N, C-alpha and C. Protein backbone atom coordinates (compact mmCIF):
# COMPACT_ATOMS: atom_id res chain seq x y z
N MET A 1 -172.01 -2.26 -61.38
CA MET A 1 -173.18 -3.50 -61.51
C MET A 1 -172.27 -4.53 -62.02
N THR A 2 -172.09 -5.88 -61.45
CA THR A 2 -171.48 -7.01 -62.18
C THR A 2 -172.56 -7.89 -62.60
N LEU A 3 -171.95 -8.34 -63.61
CA LEU A 3 -172.60 -9.54 -64.58
C LEU A 3 -173.48 -10.18 -63.63
N ASP A 4 -173.06 -10.55 -62.15
CA ASP A 4 -174.18 -11.42 -61.19
C ASP A 4 -174.94 -11.04 -61.15
N GLU A 5 -174.96 -9.38 -60.30
CA GLU A 5 -176.04 -9.30 -59.89
C GLU A 5 -176.78 -8.66 -60.75
N PHE A 6 -176.52 -8.27 -62.47
CA PHE A 6 -177.52 -8.18 -63.03
C PHE A 6 -178.11 -9.54 -63.61
N GLU A 7 -177.36 -10.44 -63.27
CA GLU A 7 -178.51 -11.94 -64.02
C GLU A 7 -179.46 -12.10 -62.29
N GLU A 8 -178.98 -11.69 -61.15
CA GLU A 8 -180.07 -11.76 -60.18
C GLU A 8 -180.97 -10.76 -60.18
N TRP A 9 -180.74 -9.53 -60.71
CA TRP A 9 -182.01 -8.70 -60.57
C TRP A 9 -182.51 -9.14 -61.88
N LYS A 10 -182.18 -9.64 -62.72
CA LYS A 10 -183.33 -10.60 -64.02
C LYS A 10 -184.31 -11.41 -63.66
N LYS A 11 -183.81 -12.09 -62.53
CA LYS A 11 -184.41 -12.86 -61.75
C LYS A 11 -185.45 -12.56 -60.76
N VAL A 12 -184.95 -11.68 -60.05
CA VAL A 12 -185.76 -11.25 -59.47
C VAL A 12 -186.95 -10.06 -60.26
N LYS A 13 -186.78 -9.77 -60.97
CA LYS A 13 -187.23 -8.66 -61.97
C LYS A 13 -188.73 -10.15 -62.49
N ILE A 14 -188.11 -11.07 -62.79
CA ILE A 14 -189.40 -12.18 -63.53
C ILE A 14 -190.08 -12.51 -62.23
N PHE A 15 -189.38 -12.73 -61.15
CA PHE A 15 -189.96 -13.17 -59.96
C PHE A 15 -191.16 -12.29 -59.41
N LEU A 16 -190.69 -10.84 -59.60
CA LEU A 16 -191.73 -9.81 -59.21
C LEU A 16 -193.28 -9.97 -59.95
N SER A 17 -192.82 -9.54 -61.72
CA SER A 17 -193.78 -9.94 -62.37
C SER A 17 -194.85 -11.07 -62.51
N GLN A 18 -194.10 -12.20 -62.14
CA GLN A 18 -194.89 -13.39 -61.53
C GLN A 18 -195.69 -13.63 -60.37
N ALA A 19 -195.39 -13.10 -59.18
CA ALA A 19 -195.74 -12.52 -58.13
C ALA A 19 -197.38 -11.64 -58.40
N LYS A 20 -197.04 -10.62 -58.90
CA LYS A 20 -197.64 -10.27 -59.35
C LYS A 20 -199.10 -9.74 -59.81
N SER A 21 -198.40 -10.77 -61.04
CA SER A 21 -199.87 -11.28 -61.87
C SER A 21 -200.76 -12.16 -60.65
N ARG A 22 -200.24 -13.64 -59.90
CA ARG A 22 -200.63 -14.34 -59.24
C ARG A 22 -201.18 -13.17 -58.01
N GLU A 23 -200.66 -12.54 -57.58
CA GLU A 23 -201.66 -11.17 -56.52
C GLU A 23 -203.41 -11.22 -56.72
N MET A 24 -203.17 -10.36 -58.33
CA MET A 24 -204.31 -9.92 -59.29
C MET A 24 -205.27 -11.14 -58.97
N GLU A 25 -205.03 -12.39 -59.47
CA GLU A 25 -205.66 -13.13 -59.31
C GLU A 25 -206.31 -13.58 -58.55
N LEU A 26 -205.46 -14.22 -57.43
CA LEU A 26 -206.04 -14.32 -56.10
C LEU A 26 -207.05 -12.88 -55.29
N ARG A 27 -206.30 -11.37 -55.08
CA ARG A 27 -207.18 -10.46 -54.91
C ARG A 27 -208.58 -10.94 -55.65
N LEU A 28 -208.42 -10.97 -56.93
CA LEU A 28 -210.12 -11.01 -58.08
C LEU A 28 -210.87 -12.11 -56.79
N LYS A 29 -210.14 -13.27 -56.59
CA LYS A 29 -211.26 -14.41 -56.19
C LYS A 29 -211.29 -14.11 -54.42
N LEU A 30 -210.66 -13.20 -53.61
CA LEU A 30 -210.93 -12.71 -52.70
C LEU A 30 -211.94 -11.80 -52.57
N LEU A 31 -212.29 -11.09 -53.80
CA LEU A 31 -213.12 -10.07 -53.55
C LEU A 31 -214.58 -10.34 -53.90
N GLU A 32 -214.53 -11.46 -54.69
CA GLU A 32 -215.67 -12.25 -54.95
C GLU A 32 -216.58 -12.83 -53.78
N SER A 33 -215.46 -13.18 -53.29
CA SER A 33 -216.30 -13.83 -51.57
C SER A 33 -216.86 -12.52 -50.86
N THR A 34 -216.59 -11.00 -50.91
CA THR A 34 -217.36 -10.31 -50.01
C THR A 34 -217.97 -8.89 -51.01
N THR A 35 -218.41 -8.24 -50.09
CA THR A 35 -219.38 -7.20 -50.56
C THR A 35 -218.32 -6.19 -51.37
N ILE A 36 -218.44 -6.13 -52.67
CA ILE A 36 -217.96 -4.59 -53.39
C ILE A 36 -218.11 -3.47 -53.32
N GLN A 37 -218.09 -2.63 -52.83
CA GLN A 37 -218.81 -0.96 -52.95
C GLN A 37 -217.79 -0.11 -52.75
N VAL A 38 -218.08 0.64 -53.48
CA VAL A 38 -217.17 1.64 -53.70
C VAL A 38 -217.07 2.82 -52.32
N GLY A 39 -215.61 2.98 -51.75
CA GLY A 39 -214.93 3.54 -50.78
C GLY A 39 -214.31 2.75 -49.81
N THR A 40 -213.44 2.87 -48.47
CA THR A 40 -212.96 2.08 -47.55
C THR A 40 -213.57 1.10 -46.85
N PHE A 41 -213.61 -0.16 -46.48
CA PHE A 41 -214.48 -0.70 -45.45
C PHE A 41 -213.32 -1.81 -44.86
N LYS A 42 -213.68 -2.44 -43.74
CA LYS A 42 -212.91 -3.02 -43.12
C LYS A 42 -213.74 -4.46 -43.42
N VAL A 43 -213.27 -5.76 -43.24
CA VAL A 43 -213.87 -7.03 -43.10
C VAL A 43 -212.82 -7.91 -42.57
N LYS A 44 -213.34 -9.13 -42.02
CA LYS A 44 -213.00 -10.08 -41.52
C LYS A 44 -212.94 -11.37 -42.05
N LEU A 45 -211.74 -11.98 -42.74
CA LEU A 45 -212.22 -13.45 -43.74
C LEU A 45 -210.49 -14.36 -43.48
N PHE A 46 -211.00 -15.30 -42.52
CA PHE A 46 -210.21 -16.26 -42.43
C PHE A 46 -209.38 -16.25 -40.96
N ASP A 47 -210.00 -14.94 -39.85
CA ASP A 47 -209.39 -14.51 -38.92
C ASP A 47 -208.20 -13.44 -38.83
N THR A 48 -208.27 -13.14 -40.38
CA THR A 48 -207.90 -12.04 -40.99
C THR A 48 -208.64 -10.54 -40.86
N ASP A 49 -208.03 -9.43 -40.41
CA ASP A 49 -208.81 -8.21 -40.85
C ASP A 49 -208.29 -7.73 -42.48
N LEU A 50 -209.10 -7.62 -43.12
CA LEU A 50 -208.70 -6.69 -44.21
C LEU A 50 -209.15 -5.05 -44.42
N LYS A 51 -208.29 -4.41 -45.06
CA LYS A 51 -209.46 -3.33 -45.53
C LYS A 51 -208.91 -2.97 -46.85
N ILE A 52 -210.45 -3.37 -47.41
CA ILE A 52 -209.92 -3.06 -48.64
C ILE A 52 -210.93 -1.40 -49.36
N ALA A 53 -210.28 -0.90 -50.13
CA ALA A 53 -210.43 0.13 -50.86
C ALA A 53 -210.89 -0.28 -52.23
N THR A 54 -212.04 0.54 -52.67
CA THR A 54 -212.44 0.18 -54.09
C THR A 54 -212.77 1.96 -54.67
N THR A 55 -212.19 2.53 -55.60
CA THR A 55 -212.64 3.54 -56.15
C THR A 55 -213.29 3.35 -57.78
N GLU A 56 -213.94 4.60 -58.16
CA GLU A 56 -214.36 4.51 -59.54
C GLU A 56 -213.81 5.38 -60.40
N LYS A 57 -213.81 5.64 -61.75
CA LYS A 57 -213.46 5.90 -62.64
C LYS A 57 -214.85 6.26 -63.01
N LEU A 58 -214.82 7.38 -63.70
CA LEU A 58 -215.87 8.67 -63.78
C LEU A 58 -215.52 8.86 -65.34
N THR A 59 -215.99 8.62 -66.45
CA THR A 59 -215.94 9.17 -68.11
C THR A 59 -216.99 10.56 -68.43
N LEU A 60 -216.58 10.88 -68.36
CA LEU A 60 -217.41 12.33 -69.21
C LEU A 60 -217.52 12.35 -71.20
N ASP A 61 -218.32 11.93 -71.83
CA ASP A 61 -218.63 11.72 -73.43
C ASP A 61 -218.85 13.17 -73.85
N GLU A 62 -217.53 13.73 -73.97
CA GLU A 62 -217.38 15.27 -74.61
C GLU A 62 -219.08 15.30 -75.90
N LYS A 63 -218.66 14.67 -76.56
CA LYS A 63 -220.14 14.72 -78.00
C LYS A 63 -221.50 14.78 -77.35
N LEU A 64 -221.68 13.59 -76.06
CA LEU A 64 -222.46 13.16 -75.60
C LEU A 64 -223.18 14.99 -74.55
N PHE A 65 -222.12 15.28 -74.44
CA PHE A 65 -221.99 16.04 -72.79
C PHE A 65 -222.48 17.45 -73.78
N ASN A 66 -221.79 17.70 -74.74
CA ASN A 66 -222.82 18.62 -75.65
C ASN A 66 -223.74 18.83 -76.78
N SER A 67 -223.93 17.88 -76.96
CA SER A 67 -225.10 17.31 -77.24
C SER A 67 -226.02 17.55 -76.50
N ASN A 68 -226.22 17.40 -75.00
CA ASN A 68 -227.38 17.47 -73.60
C ASN A 68 -227.31 18.69 -73.06
N ALA A 69 -226.78 19.32 -73.60
CA ALA A 69 -226.17 20.08 -72.58
C ALA A 69 -227.13 21.40 -72.48
N ASP A 70 -228.10 21.23 -73.20
CA ASP A 70 -229.19 22.55 -73.39
C ASP A 70 -230.54 21.42 -72.31
N ASP A 71 -230.13 20.51 -71.88
CA ASP A 71 -231.10 19.75 -71.24
C ASP A 71 -231.18 19.61 -69.95
N MET A 72 -229.63 20.40 -69.50
CA MET A 72 -229.24 20.20 -68.39
C MET A 72 -229.37 21.37 -67.41
N SER A 73 -229.65 21.26 -66.07
CA SER A 73 -229.83 22.06 -65.06
C SER A 73 -228.19 22.93 -64.77
N GLU A 74 -228.45 23.80 -63.87
CA GLU A 74 -227.40 24.84 -63.64
C GLU A 74 -226.41 23.93 -63.00
N GLU A 75 -227.41 23.51 -61.99
CA GLU A 75 -226.20 22.27 -60.91
C GLU A 75 -225.32 21.10 -61.78
N GLU A 76 -225.92 20.69 -63.01
CA GLU A 76 -225.16 20.11 -63.52
C GLU A 76 -224.17 20.47 -64.86
N LEU A 77 -224.32 21.46 -65.04
CA LEU A 77 -223.21 22.27 -65.98
C LEU A 77 -222.22 22.90 -65.46
N ASN A 78 -222.58 22.77 -63.77
CA ASN A 78 -221.44 23.20 -63.09
C ASN A 78 -220.41 22.21 -62.53
N CYS A 79 -220.90 20.99 -62.89
CA CYS A 79 -220.23 19.87 -62.24
C CYS A 79 -219.04 19.60 -63.45
N VAL A 80 -219.27 20.37 -64.79
CA VAL A 80 -217.92 19.98 -66.02
C VAL A 80 -217.15 21.50 -66.15
N ASN A 81 -216.04 21.30 -65.97
CA ASN A 81 -214.97 22.16 -66.17
C ASN A 81 -215.10 22.68 -67.63
N HIS A 82 -214.30 23.28 -67.89
CA HIS A 82 -214.98 23.94 -69.44
C HIS A 82 -213.47 23.10 -70.40
N LYS A 83 -213.38 21.79 -70.51
CA LYS A 83 -212.49 21.24 -71.46
C LYS A 83 -213.35 20.21 -72.31
N PRO A 84 -214.23 19.45 -71.85
CA PRO A 84 -214.69 19.79 -70.40
C PRO A 84 -214.39 18.18 -70.02
N VAL A 85 -214.38 18.81 -68.44
CA VAL A 85 -213.32 17.78 -67.59
C VAL A 85 -214.60 17.69 -66.17
N LEU A 86 -215.06 16.50 -65.82
CA LEU A 86 -216.05 16.46 -64.99
C LEU A 86 -215.29 17.06 -63.40
N ASP A 87 -215.71 17.31 -62.43
CA ASP A 87 -215.87 18.50 -61.25
C ASP A 87 -216.12 16.61 -60.50
N LYS A 88 -215.51 15.98 -59.91
CA LYS A 88 -216.20 14.80 -58.75
C LYS A 88 -216.92 15.16 -57.78
N LYS A 89 -216.22 16.08 -57.29
CA LYS A 89 -216.69 16.56 -55.81
C LYS A 89 -218.15 16.93 -56.39
N ARG A 90 -218.53 18.06 -57.21
CA ARG A 90 -219.65 18.67 -57.19
C ARG A 90 -221.04 17.72 -58.20
N TYR A 91 -220.13 16.45 -58.96
CA TYR A 91 -221.21 15.13 -59.64
C TYR A 91 -221.17 14.32 -58.44
N ASP A 92 -221.00 14.34 -57.96
CA ASP A 92 -221.09 13.35 -56.46
C ASP A 92 -222.58 13.55 -55.92
N LYS A 93 -222.12 14.96 -55.73
CA LYS A 93 -223.78 15.38 -55.05
C LYS A 93 -224.91 15.47 -55.46
N LEU A 94 -225.39 15.68 -57.25
CA LEU A 94 -226.23 15.05 -58.11
C LEU A 94 -227.11 14.17 -57.78
N PRO A 95 -227.96 14.35 -57.72
CA PRO A 95 -229.57 13.15 -58.16
C PRO A 95 -228.83 12.06 -59.27
N ASP A 96 -228.78 10.94 -58.78
CA ASP A 96 -228.75 9.40 -59.75
C ASP A 96 -229.42 9.90 -61.24
N ASN A 97 -230.54 10.55 -61.40
CA ASN A 97 -231.35 10.67 -62.12
C ASN A 97 -231.04 11.89 -63.64
N THR A 98 -230.17 12.37 -63.24
CA THR A 98 -229.75 13.69 -64.34
C THR A 98 -229.06 13.09 -65.39
N VAL A 99 -229.37 14.65 -66.73
CA VAL A 99 -228.93 14.27 -67.82
C VAL A 99 -227.86 13.77 -67.56
N LEU A 100 -226.98 14.46 -66.85
CA LEU A 100 -225.63 14.32 -67.08
C LEU A 100 -225.11 13.21 -66.32
N ALA A 101 -225.55 12.68 -65.29
CA ALA A 101 -225.46 10.75 -64.97
C ALA A 101 -226.01 10.27 -65.94
N LEU A 102 -227.11 10.36 -66.15
CA LEU A 102 -227.63 9.33 -67.15
C LEU A 102 -227.43 9.38 -69.05
N LYS A 103 -226.82 10.14 -69.03
CA LYS A 103 -226.26 9.92 -70.88
C LYS A 103 -225.18 10.50 -70.69
N CYS A 104 -224.49 10.94 -70.04
CA CYS A 104 -222.60 11.53 -70.66
C CYS A 104 -221.95 10.62 -69.63
N VAL A 105 -222.52 10.45 -68.54
CA VAL A 105 -221.00 9.81 -67.47
C VAL A 105 -221.14 8.60 -67.35
N THR A 106 -219.99 7.71 -67.81
CA THR A 106 -219.77 6.46 -67.72
C THR A 106 -219.05 5.64 -66.12
N ARG A 107 -219.73 5.42 -65.62
CA ARG A 107 -219.01 4.39 -64.26
C ARG A 107 -218.00 3.17 -64.50
N LYS A 108 -216.97 2.82 -63.91
CA LYS A 108 -216.44 1.67 -64.46
C LYS A 108 -215.49 1.90 -63.20
N GLN A 109 -215.83 0.55 -61.99
CA GLN A 109 -215.22 0.28 -61.03
C GLN A 109 -214.03 -0.02 -61.16
N ASN A 110 -213.05 0.62 -60.13
CA ASN A 110 -211.49 0.01 -60.17
C ASN A 110 -211.62 -1.24 -59.32
N VAL A 111 -209.91 -1.82 -59.86
CA VAL A 111 -210.18 -3.40 -58.99
C VAL A 111 -209.61 -2.78 -57.29
N SER A 112 -210.52 -3.42 -56.43
CA SER A 112 -210.12 -2.71 -55.03
C SER A 112 -208.74 -3.48 -54.60
N SER A 113 -208.29 -2.66 -54.00
CA SER A 113 -207.27 -2.38 -53.14
C SER A 113 -207.09 -3.60 -51.89
N VAL A 114 -206.16 -4.39 -51.32
CA VAL A 114 -206.78 -5.37 -50.44
C VAL A 114 -205.53 -4.75 -49.76
N ALA A 115 -205.75 -4.78 -48.43
CA ALA A 115 -204.62 -4.51 -47.04
C ALA A 115 -204.75 -5.84 -45.85
N ILE A 116 -203.38 -5.94 -45.36
CA ILE A 116 -204.26 -6.80 -44.00
C ILE A 116 -203.44 -5.63 -42.97
N ILE A 117 -204.83 -5.72 -42.40
CA ILE A 117 -205.01 -4.86 -40.95
C ILE A 117 -203.96 -5.90 -39.76
């Protein structure tokens, strides 16, 4: 690598970092003007088709799980592997009003990805 190539790399690296930050700011503004749902769906904005994908992070509180395990159904207990680690596929099939859902798991929606179709 030459010094000129290295200097060019540094400029590109800085530019990409700034562009990524700005893209995130603008993406959040774009998402404010749409209905954000967990899942993947298509929207049209200013004659442009977009695909928006939103996921969520589920966090199992181990202490709360252990202190509430006696009040949980077998179906709820089967959603947790013994570390404890939440089995999302099983958990998603449970009703929303379970002890596990109400007391032990927190949901945090991740920032949506947006792609131009």
